[in-house]
Amino acid sequence: MPWRRGGFFRALGDNLRAFAERSFELDRNEEGRTRRDRLTSRLERAIRKNRQDIAEQLQAELECPPFPMALSYLWQAWVRLRRRTPAGVNGPSPITIEAIDAFIRRTGLRLDPGDVQLIEDIDDLYLSKMAEQANERDRQQAMKDGLGRASKQGVRRIADD
């Protein structure tokens, strides 16, 4: 797909980036379940309890930009590459240009430089969301550890008196 053609293809790429970013946010793991699962459960409960105001709010939170079907081949390529990219010590590793090159050669998929850039952009979004999730998990654990220490110290002080 020639990216040199202009605005239409850039807009499709922007749509795919927006879809990917929102999907990664909704698929974020929160205590063993994805955010999407949690919101869907709450939505079903709100509908059962006939709480339309809450249901509308949850539906808005679950909304995702439309998937640009014309670029589904790029999304599928990214998914295949991501599944085969090993994680590093600090979480997921980026998809390398060498991996993309090997993928193109082995699959016969023809990608323009703009297509490769879009795969890299999607992967950057993914890595960014995973880093945010890891930072949030670390922050929550630090708070738990800090509160645990404070509680234990408080118990010791009371016992010492």
C-alpha atoms as a PDB file:
ATOM      1  CA  MET A   1       0.000   0.000   0.000  1.00  0.00           C
ATOM      2  CA  PRO A   2       1.795   3.137  -1.139  1.00  0.00           C
ATOM      3  CA  TRP A   3       2.050   5.630   1.710  1.00  0.00           C
ATOM      4  CA  ARG A   4       3.184   8.322  -0.686  1.00  0.00           C
ATOM      5  CA  ARG A   5      -0.402   8.772  -1.855  1.00  0.00           C
ATOM      6  CA  GLY A   6      -1.130  11.113   0.976  1.00  0.00           C
ATOM      7  CA  GLY A   7      -3.752  11.868   3.522  1.00  0.00           C
ATOM      8  CA  PHE A   8      -6.040   8.880   3.115  1.00  0.00           C
ATOM      9  CA  PHE A   9      -3.370   6.347   4.017  1.00  0.00           C
ATOM     10  CA  ARG A  10      -1.999   8.538   6.799  1.00  0.00           C
ATOM     11  CA  ALA A  11      -5.510   8.744   8.237  1.00  0.00           C
ATOM     12  CA  LEU A  12      -5.811   4.948   8.106  1.00  0.00           C
ATOM     13  CA  GLY A  13      -2.498   4.676   9.943  1.00  0.00           C
ATOM     14  CA  ASP A  14      -3.690   7.156  12.564  1.00  0.00           C
ATOM     15  CA  ASN A  15      -6.886   5.109  12.983  1.00  0.00           C
ATOM     16  CA  LEU A  16      -4.853   1.931  13.493  1.00  0.00           C
ATOM     17  CA  ARG A  17      -2.616   3.652  16.045  1.00  0.00           C
ATOM     18  CA  ALA A  18      -5.681   4.928  17.947  1.00  0.00           C
ATOM     19  CA  PHE A  19      -7.273   1.483  17.868  1.00  0.00           C
ATOM     20  CA  ALA A  20      -4.057  -0.156  19.083  1.00  0.00           C
ATOM     21  CA  GLU A  21      -3.526   2.329  21.908  1.00  0.00           C
ATOM     22  CA  ARG A  22      -7.079   1.948  23.225  1.00  0.00           C
ATOM     23  CA  SER A  23      -6.953  -1.846  22.869  1.00  0.00           C
ATOM     24  CA  PHE A  24      -3.721  -1.987  24.859  1.00  0.00           C
ATOM     25  CA  GLU A  25      -5.306   0.142  27.594  1.00  0.00           C
ATOM     26  CA  LEU A  26      -8.368  -2.116  27.764  1.00  0.00           C
ATOM     27  CA  ASP A  27      -6.267  -5.285  27.725  1.00  0.00           C
ATOM     28  CA  ARG A  28      -4.129  -4.076  30.640  1.00  0.00           C
ATOM     29  CA  ASN A  29      -3.969  -6.657  33.411  1.00  0.00           C
ATOM     30  CA  GLU A  30      -5.537  -5.550  36.679  1.00  0.00           C
ATOM     31  CA  GLU A  31      -5.134  -8.105  39.443  1.00  0.00           C
ATOM     32  CA  GLY A  32      -5.443 -11.122  37.179  1.00  0.00           C
ATOM     33  CA  ARG A  33      -8.135  -9.801  34.825  1.00  0.00           C
ATOM     34  CA  THR A  34      -8.058  -7.346  31.975  1.00  0.00           C
ATOM     35  CA  ARG A  35      -9.568  -3.921  32.337  1.00  0.00           C
ATOM     36  CA  ARG A  36     -11.948  -4.873  29.508  1.00  0.00           C
ATOM     37  CA  ASP A  37     -13.174  -7.917  31.491  1.00  0.00           C
ATOM     38  CA  ARG A  38     -13.713  -5.840  34.606  1.00  0.00           C
ATOM     39  CA  LEU A  39     -15.631  -3.136  32.751  1.00  0.00           C
ATOM     40  CA  THR A  40     -17.723  -5.729  30.908  1.00  0.00           C
ATOM     41  CA  SER A  41     -18.635  -7.435  34.195  1.00  0.00           C
ATOM     42  CA  ARG A  42     -19.625  -4.118  35.721  1.00  0.00           C
ATOM     43  CA  LEU A  43     -21.646  -3.260  32.607  1.00  0.00           C
ATOM     44  CA  GLU A  44     -23.543  -6.560  32.756  1.00  0.00           C
ATOM     45  CA  ARG A  45     -24.282  -5.980  36.439  1.00  0.00           C
ATOM     46  CA  ALA A  46     -25.503  -2.425  35.751  1.00  0.00           C
ATOM     47  CA  ILE A  47     -27.800  -3.707  32.990  1.00  0.00           C
ATOM     48  CA  ARG A  48     -29.170  -6.459  35.272  1.00  0.00           C
ATOM     49  CA  LYS A  49     -29.863  -3.884  37.971  1.00  0.00           C
ATOM     50  CA  ASN A  50     -31.432  -1.559  35.394  1.00  0.00           C
ATOM     51  CA  ARG A  51     -28.915   1.219  36.119  1.00  0.00           C
ATOM     52  CA  GLN A  52     -28.899   2.872  32.704  1.00  0.00           C
ATOM     53  CA  ASP A  53     -26.784   5.841  33.887  1.00  0.00           C
ATOM     54  CA  ILE A  54     -23.971   3.569  35.033  1.00  0.00           C
ATOM     55  CA  ALA A  55     -24.357   1.332  31.961  1.00  0.00           C
ATOM     56  CA  GLU A  56     -23.924   4.303  29.626  1.00  0.00           C
ATOM     57  CA  GLN A  57     -20.807   5.427  31.477  1.00  0.00           C
ATOM     58  CA  LEU A  58     -19.299   1.919  31.311  1.00  0.00           C
ATOM     59  CA  GLN A  59     -20.154   1.575  27.619  1.00  0.00           C
ATOM     60  CA  ALA A  60     -18.316   4.843  26.991  1.00  0.00           C
ATOM     61  CA  GLU A  61     -15.277   3.508  28.866  1.00  0.00           C
ATOM     62  CA  LEU A  62     -15.366   0.324  26.764  1.00  0.00           C
ATOM     63  CA  GLU A  63     -15.523   2.183  23.460  1.00  0.00           C
ATOM     64  CA  CYS A  64     -12.654   1.650  21.107  1.00  0.00           C
ATOM     65  CA  PRO A  65     -11.946   3.493  17.851  1.00  0.00           C
ATOM     66  CA  PRO A  66     -13.075   1.488  14.827  1.00  0.00           C
ATOM     67  CA  PHE A  67     -10.574  -0.968  13.436  1.00  0.00           C
ATOM     68  CA  PRO A  68      -9.429   0.041   9.923  1.00  0.00           C
ATOM     69  CA  MET A  69     -10.029  -3.196   8.015  1.00  0.00           C
ATOM     70  CA  ALA A  70      -7.855  -1.988   5.123  1.00  0.00           C
ATOM     71  CA  LEU A  71      -4.839  -2.336   7.451  1.00  0.00           C
ATOM     72  CA  SER A  72      -5.742  -5.685   8.985  1.00  0.00           C
ATOM     73  CA  TYR A  73      -2.727  -7.245   7.258  1.00  0.00           C
ATOM     74  CA  LEU A  74      -0.459  -4.914   9.274  1.00  0.00           C
ATOM     75  CA  TRP A  75      -2.204  -5.717  12.544  1.00  0.00           C
ATOM     76  CA  GLN A  76      -1.902  -9.439  11.837  1.00  0.00           C
ATOM     77  CA  ALA A  77       1.773  -8.996  10.958  1.00  0.00           C
ATOM     78  CA  TRP A  78       2.378  -7.112  14.223  1.00  0.00           C
ATOM     79  CA  VAL A  79       0.571  -9.794  16.239  1.00  0.00           C
ATOM     80  CA  ARG A  80       2.628 -12.554  14.627  1.00  0.00           C
ATOM     81  CA  LEU A  81       5.878 -10.671  15.201  1.00  0.00           C
ATOM     82  CA  ARG A  82       4.963  -9.787  18.803  1.00  0.00           C
ATOM     83  CA  ARG A  83       4.105 -13.415  19.645  1.00  0.00           C
ATOM     84  CA  ARG A  84       7.566 -14.476  18.537  1.00  0.00           C
ATOM     85  CA  THR A  85       9.530 -11.718  20.243  1.00  0.00           C
ATOM     86  CA  PRO A  86      11.034 -12.979  23.490  1.00  0.00           C
ATOM     87  CA  ALA A  87      10.674 -10.971  26.662  1.00  0.00           C
ATOM     88  CA  GLY A  88      13.721  -9.469  28.258  1.00  0.00           C
ATOM     89  CA  VAL A  89      14.598  -9.258  31.930  1.00  0.00           C
ATOM     90  CA  ASN A  90      12.597  -6.035  32.304  1.00  0.00           C
ATOM     91  CA  GLY A  91       9.559  -7.087  30.275  1.00  0.00           C
ATOM     92  CA  PRO A  92       8.770  -7.247  26.573  1.00  0.00           C
ATOM     93  CA  SER A  93      11.546  -6.477  24.122  1.00  0.00           C
ATOM     94  CA  PRO A  94      10.934  -4.353  21.036  1.00  0.00           C
ATOM     95  CA  ILE A  95      10.430  -5.996  17.680  1.00  0.00           C
ATOM     96  CA  THR A  96      13.688  -5.466  15.834  1.00  0.00           C
ATOM     97  CA  ILE A  97      14.055  -4.354  12.244  1.00  0.00           C
ATOM     98  CA  GLU A  98      15.936  -7.610  11.649  1.00  0.00           C
ATOM     99  CA  ALA A  99      12.906  -9.576  12.842  1.00  0.00           C
ATOM    100  CA  ILE A 100      10.641  -7.558  10.543  1.00  0.00           C
ATOM    101  CA  ASP A 101      13.046  -8.115   7.644  1.00  0.00           C
ATOM    102  CA  ALA A 102      13.164 -11.868   8.282  1.00  0.00           C
ATOM    103  CA  PHE A 103       9.369 -11.960   8.620  1.00  0.00           C
ATOM    104  CA  ILE A 104       8.948 -10.200   5.261  1.00  0.00           C
ATOM    105  CA  ARG A 105      11.417 -12.547   3.550  1.00  0.00           C
ATOM    106  CA  ARG A 106       9.927 -15.727   5.054  1.00  0.00           C
ATOM    107  CA  THR A 107       6.250 -14.858   4.575  1.00  0.00           C
ATOM    108  CA  GLY A 108       6.487 -13.109   1.223  1.00  0.00           C
ATOM    109  CA  LEU A 109       4.399 -10.251   2.589  1.00  0.00           C
ATOM    110  CA  ARG A 110       5.194  -7.052   0.742  1.00  0.00           C
ATOM    111  CA  LEU A 111       5.496  -4.057   3.024  1.00  0.00           C
ATOM    112  CA  ASP A 112       6.285  -0.456   2.135  1.00  0.00           C
ATOM    113  CA  PRO A 113       8.575   1.566   4.384  1.00  0.00           C
ATOM    114  CA  GLY A 114       5.424   3.262   5.729  1.00  0.00           C
ATOM    115  CA  ASP A 115       3.986  -0.136   6.639  1.00  0.00           C
ATOM    116  CA  VAL A 116       7.164  -1.044   8.527  1.00  0.00           C
ATOM    117  CA  GLN A 117       7.024   2.323  10.307  1.00  0.00           C
ATOM    118  CA  LEU A 118       3.427   1.638  11.337  1.00  0.00           C
ATOM    119  CA  ILE A 119       4.368  -1.783  12.739  1.00  0.00           C
ATOM    120  CA  GLU A 120       7.147  -0.098  14.712  1.00  0.00           C
ATOM    121  CA  ASP A 121       4.742   2.613  15.929  1.00  0.00           C
ATOM    122  CA  ILE A 122       2.242   0.008  17.129  1.00  0.00           C
ATOM    123  CA  ASP A 123       5.017  -1.865  18.899  1.00  0.00           C
ATOM    124  CA  ASP A 124       6.214   1.357  20.550  1.00  0.00           C
ATOM    125  CA  LEU A 125       2.658   1.964  21.816  1.00  0.00           C
ATOM    126  CA  TYR A 126       2.525  -1.586  23.134  1.00  0.00           C
ATOM    127  CA  LEU A 127       5.866  -1.257  24.934  1.00  0.00           C
ATOM    128  CA  SER A 128       4.808   2.077  26.391  1.00  0.00           C
ATOM    129  CA  LYS A 129       1.571   0.619  27.785  1.00  0.00           C
ATOM    130  CA  MET A 130       3.414  -2.387  29.211  1.00  0.00           C
ATOM    131  CA  ALA A 131       5.938  -0.067  30.903  1.00  0.00           C
ATOM    132  CA  GLU A 132       3.094   1.999  32.390  1.00  0.00           C
ATOM    133  CA  GLN A 133       1.492  -1.185  33.693  1.00  0.00           C
ATOM    134  CA  ALA A 134       4.783  -2.354  35.221  1.00  0.00           C
ATOM    135  CA  ASN A 135       5.357   1.047  36.843  1.00  0.00           C
ATOM    136  CA  GLU A 136       1.850   1.012  38.292  1.00  0.00           C
ATOM    137  CA  ARG A 137       2.361  -2.506  39.645  1.00  0.00           C
ATOM    138  CA  ASP A 138       5.688  -1.478  41.194  1.00  0.00           C
ATOM    139  CA  ARG A 139       4.109   1.621  42.747  1.00  0.00           C
ATOM    140  CA  GLN A 140       1.243  -0.408  44.209  1.00  0.00           C
ATOM    141  CA  GLN A 141       3.660  -2.981  45.606  1.00  0.00           C
ATOM    142  CA  ALA A 142       5.826  -0.268  47.107  1.00  0.00           C
ATOM    143  CA  MET A 143       2.784   1.218  48.795  1.00  0.00           C
ATOM    144  CA  LYS A 144       1.794  -2.180  50.164  1.00  0.00           C
ATOM    145  CA  ASP A 145       5.354  -2.789  51.381  1.00  0.00           C
ATOM    146  CA  GLY A 146       5.509   0.664  52.965  1.00  0.00           C
ATOM    147  CA  LEU A 147       2.165   0.252  54.699  1.00  0.00           C
ATOM    148  CA  GLY A 148       3.159  -3.206  55.874  1.00  0.00           C
ATOM    149  CA  ARG A 149       6.361  -1.854  57.401  1.00  0.00           C
ATOM    150  CA  ALA A 150       4.515   1.056  58.979  1.00  0.00           C
ATOM    151  CA  SER A 151       1.978  -1.331  60.501  1.00  0.00           C
ATOM    152  CA  LYS A 152       4.689  -3.605  61.867  1.00  0.00           C
ATOM    153  CA  GLN A 153       6.635  -0.661  63.271  1.00  0.00           C
ATOM    154  CA  GLY A 154       3.452   0.644  64.866  1.00  0.00           C
ATOM    155  CA  VAL A 155       2.842  -2.724  66.512  1.00  0.00           C
ATOM    156  CA  ARG A 156       6.405  -2.817  67.800  1.00  0.00           C
ATOM    157  CA  ARG A 157       6.138   0.647  69.299  1.00  0.00           C
ATOM    158  CA  ILE A 158       2.947  -0.254  71.099  1.00  0.00           C
ATOM    159  CA  ALA A 159       4.469  -3.514  72.354  1.00  0.00           C
ATOM    160  CA  ASP A 160       7.626  -1.669  73.534  1.00  0.00           C
ATOM    161  CA  ASP A 161       5.602   0.732  75.721  1.00  0.00           C
END
